[in-house]
Amino acid sequence: MPDRRHILIGRIVGAHGLAGGVKLASYAASIEAFAGGRALLAVSAEGEETLYEVERAKARGRSVLLSLKGVTQRSQAEALAGREVFIDKTTLPELEEGTYYWSDLIGLAVYAVDGRFLGRLESIFQTGSNDVYVVKHAGRELLLPALASVVKTVDLEARRMQVEVPEGLE
């Protein structure tokens, strides 16, 4: 399994065309993550890791069509279906202060401003207006909007987030 410096940016969902192109369900905010020459790590369900170099990438809705160096036949592309795709985080651009990669946030301990432990941030999903943090604890799930009015502090070193729980969510 990839180490902490790698972040998940998509999953290969199938082949595209006859020349070895792959269709990727992208988790990246921008097509720039798939720039030509970039290295991608494809990991099978069994844990087999293969490094590929991007030749070309084209956005198609929430998907990305990729040409990978060395993948030149449809059968090769079909064999990659289902693999998760990771990128070395050090190759991504620096973020503005107060913004974070999802992979940095997942697993944080989440506390209310009054000090109560609410759970761990298990996953994040996008909505039309903002992301939503899924916080789980003791079989309970809390959905928190990722808004400045809700998220008060994020301390990546301490692996902790402090939030103001909106009225009616608890």
Protein backbone atom coordinates (compact mmCIF):
# COMPACT_ATOMS: atom_id res chain seq x y z
CA MET A 1 0.00 0.00 0.00
CA PRO A 2 1.31 3.49 -0.77
CA ASP A 3 2.88 5.47 2.07
CA ARG A 4 1.60 8.76 3.56
CA ARG A 5 3.36 10.86 0.93
CA HIS A 6 1.02 9.40 -1.71
CA ILE A 7 -2.56 10.57 -1.98
CA LEU A 8 -5.45 8.90 -3.73
CA ILE A 9 -6.57 10.91 -6.75
CA GLY A 10 -8.77 8.51 -8.67
CA ARG A 11 -9.81 5.05 -9.78
CA ILE A 12 -9.45 3.56 -13.24
CA VAL A 13 -12.95 2.60 -14.34
CA GLY A 14 -12.20 1.18 -17.77
CA ALA A 15 -10.57 1.43 -21.16
CA HIS A 16 -11.14 4.25 -23.62
CA GLY A 17 -10.58 3.74 -27.31
CA LEU A 18 -8.42 1.15 -29.02
CA ALA A 19 -4.95 2.60 -28.38
CA GLY A 20 -4.68 1.86 -24.64
CA GLY A 21 -6.38 4.92 -23.17
CA VAL A 22 -7.92 4.62 -19.71
CA LYS A 23 -10.93 6.34 -18.18
CA LEU A 24 -10.37 7.53 -14.63
CA ALA A 25 -12.96 8.61 -12.05
CA SER A 26 -11.05 11.62 -10.74
CA TYR A 27 -10.98 12.77 -7.11
CA ALA A 28 -8.68 15.69 -7.98
CA ALA A 29 -9.99 19.25 -8.07
CA SER A 30 -8.09 20.03 -11.27
CA ILE A 31 -6.88 18.28 -14.41
CA GLU A 32 -3.44 19.75 -13.57
CA ALA A 33 -2.87 16.77 -11.27
CA PHE A 34 -2.60 14.67 -14.45
CA ALA A 35 -0.15 16.88 -16.38
CA GLY A 36 2.02 15.20 -19.00
CA GLY A 37 5.15 13.64 -17.53
CA ARG A 38 3.60 13.20 -14.07
CA ALA A 39 4.12 9.85 -12.34
CA LEU A 40 1.02 7.97 -11.18
CA LEU A 41 1.02 4.90 -8.95
CA ALA A 42 -1.70 2.37 -9.87
CA VAL A 43 -2.56 -0.10 -7.11
CA SER A 44 -4.63 -3.25 -7.61
CA ALA A 45 -7.04 -4.66 -5.01
CA GLU A 46 -4.35 -7.26 -4.22
CA GLY A 47 -1.82 -4.49 -3.48
CA GLU A 48 0.22 -4.81 -6.68
CA GLU A 49 1.80 -1.40 -7.41
CA THR A 50 2.79 -0.19 -10.87
CA LEU A 51 4.24 3.23 -11.71
CA TYR A 52 3.06 4.94 -14.92
CA GLU A 53 3.95 8.19 -16.63
CA VAL A 54 1.15 10.36 -18.01
CA GLU A 55 1.51 11.14 -21.71
CA ARG A 56 -1.77 13.04 -22.14
CA ALA A 57 -4.85 13.84 -20.11
CA LYS A 58 -8.23 15.19 -21.16
CA ALA A 59 -11.09 16.12 -18.87
CA ARG A 60 -14.50 14.64 -19.61
CA GLY A 61 -16.99 15.73 -16.95
CA ARG A 62 -15.82 14.32 -13.58
CA SER A 63 -13.73 11.78 -15.48
CA VAL A 64 -10.29 12.06 -17.01
CA LEU A 65 -9.17 10.26 -20.13
CA LEU A 66 -5.50 9.30 -19.79
CA SER A 67 -2.81 8.05 -22.12
CA LEU A 68 -0.14 6.28 -20.08
CA LYS A 69 3.37 5.56 -21.33
CA GLY A 70 3.69 1.85 -22.13
CA VAL A 71 -0.07 1.20 -22.29
CA THR A 72 -0.72 0.98 -26.02
CA GLN A 73 -3.45 -1.63 -26.41
CA ARG A 74 -7.04 -1.76 -25.27
CA SER A 75 -6.45 -5.10 -23.52
CA GLN A 76 -3.69 -3.51 -21.40
CA ALA A 77 -6.03 -0.66 -20.44
CA GLU A 78 -8.87 -3.07 -19.61
CA ALA A 79 -6.53 -4.97 -17.27
CA LEU A 80 -6.05 -1.74 -15.24
CA ALA A 81 -9.78 -1.30 -14.50
CA GLY A 82 -10.49 -1.10 -10.77
CA ARG A 83 -7.02 0.10 -9.78
CA GLU A 84 -6.76 3.04 -7.44
CA VAL A 85 -4.45 5.81 -8.64
CA PHE A 86 -2.14 7.71 -6.30
CA ILE A 87 0.18 10.66 -6.79
CA ASP A 88 3.23 11.76 -4.83
CA LYS A 89 1.97 14.69 -2.76
CA THR A 90 5.29 16.51 -3.10
CA THR A 91 4.59 17.03 -6.81
CA LEU A 92 1.37 18.94 -6.12
CA PRO A 93 1.28 22.72 -5.77
CA GLU A 94 1.46 24.35 -2.34
CA LEU A 95 -1.96 25.23 -0.97
CA GLU A 96 -3.05 28.61 0.29
CA GLU A 97 -3.10 29.00 4.05
CA GLY A 98 -6.26 27.54 5.54
CA THR A 99 -6.82 25.04 2.71
CA TYR A 100 -5.96 21.36 2.93
CA TYR A 101 -5.81 18.22 0.86
CA TRP A 102 -8.57 15.80 1.84
CA SER A 103 -5.98 13.15 2.63
CA ASP A 104 -4.54 15.45 5.33
CA LEU A 105 -7.93 15.85 7.00
CA ILE A 106 -9.22 12.29 6.95
CA GLY A 107 -8.52 10.65 10.29
CA LEU A 108 -8.41 13.88 12.31
CA ALA A 109 -9.98 13.82 15.78
CA VAL A 110 -12.91 16.26 15.75
CA TYR A 111 -13.87 18.23 18.86
CA ALA A 112 -16.64 20.72 19.53
CA VAL A 113 -15.54 24.18 20.72
CA ASP A 114 -16.73 23.20 24.21
CA GLY A 115 -14.16 20.35 24.23
CA ARG A 116 -16.49 17.39 23.57
CA PHE A 117 -15.02 14.65 21.38
CA LEU A 118 -17.31 14.26 18.35
CA GLY A 119 -15.42 11.52 16.53
CA ARG A 120 -12.99 11.03 13.67
CA LEU A 121 -13.29 12.59 10.25
CA GLU A 122 -13.89 9.41 8.20
CA SER A 123 -14.61 10.79 4.75
CA ILE A 124 -15.44 13.91 2.77
CA PHE A 125 -17.87 14.45 -0.08
CA GLN A 126 -18.62 17.36 -2.35
CA THR A 127 -21.93 19.12 -2.70
CA GLY A 128 -22.76 21.97 -5.03
CA SER A 129 -21.85 24.68 -2.54
CA ASN A 130 -19.31 23.16 -0.12
CA ASP A 131 -17.65 19.96 1.02
CA VAL A 132 -19.22 17.93 3.84
CA TYR A 133 -17.17 16.21 6.53
CA VAL A 134 -18.41 12.81 7.72
CA VAL A 135 -17.50 12.42 11.40
CA LYS A 136 -18.11 9.03 13.06
CA HIS A 137 -18.02 7.92 16.69
CA ALA A 138 -19.64 5.02 18.57
CA GLY A 139 -21.89 4.05 15.66
CA ARG A 140 -23.06 7.62 15.20
CA GLU A 141 -22.50 9.76 12.10
CA LEU A 142 -22.37 13.56 12.06
CA LEU A 143 -22.37 15.47 8.77
CA LEU A 144 -20.63 18.84 9.10
CA PRO A 145 -20.48 21.47 6.35
CA ALA A 146 -16.89 22.48 5.59
CA LEU A 147 -17.47 26.18 6.17
CA ALA A 148 -15.38 28.77 8.01
CA SER A 149 -18.34 29.38 10.33
CA VAL A 150 -18.22 25.69 11.36
CA VAL A 151 -14.53 24.73 11.19
CA LYS A 152 -12.73 26.87 13.75
CA THR A 153 -9.24 25.33 13.82
CA VAL A 154 -7.30 22.62 12.04
CA ASP A 155 -4.04 21.41 13.58
CA LEU A 156 -2.46 18.85 11.27
CA GLU A 157 0.49 18.25 13.61
CA ALA A 158 -1.80 17.40 16.52
CA ARG A 159 -4.21 15.60 14.09
CA ARG A 160 -7.10 17.62 15.55
CA MET A 161 -9.97 19.79 14.29
CA GLN A 162 -12.21 22.05 16.36
CA VAL A 163 -15.73 22.85 15.13
CA GLU A 164 -18.79 24.87 16.06
CA VAL A 165 -21.61 22.38 15.52
CA PRO A 166 -24.52 24.13 13.78
CA GLU A 167 -27.77 24.18 15.71
CA GLY A 168 -29.96 21.15 15.02
CA LEU A 169 -27.17 18.84 13.81
CA GLU A 170 -26.54 17.00 17.08
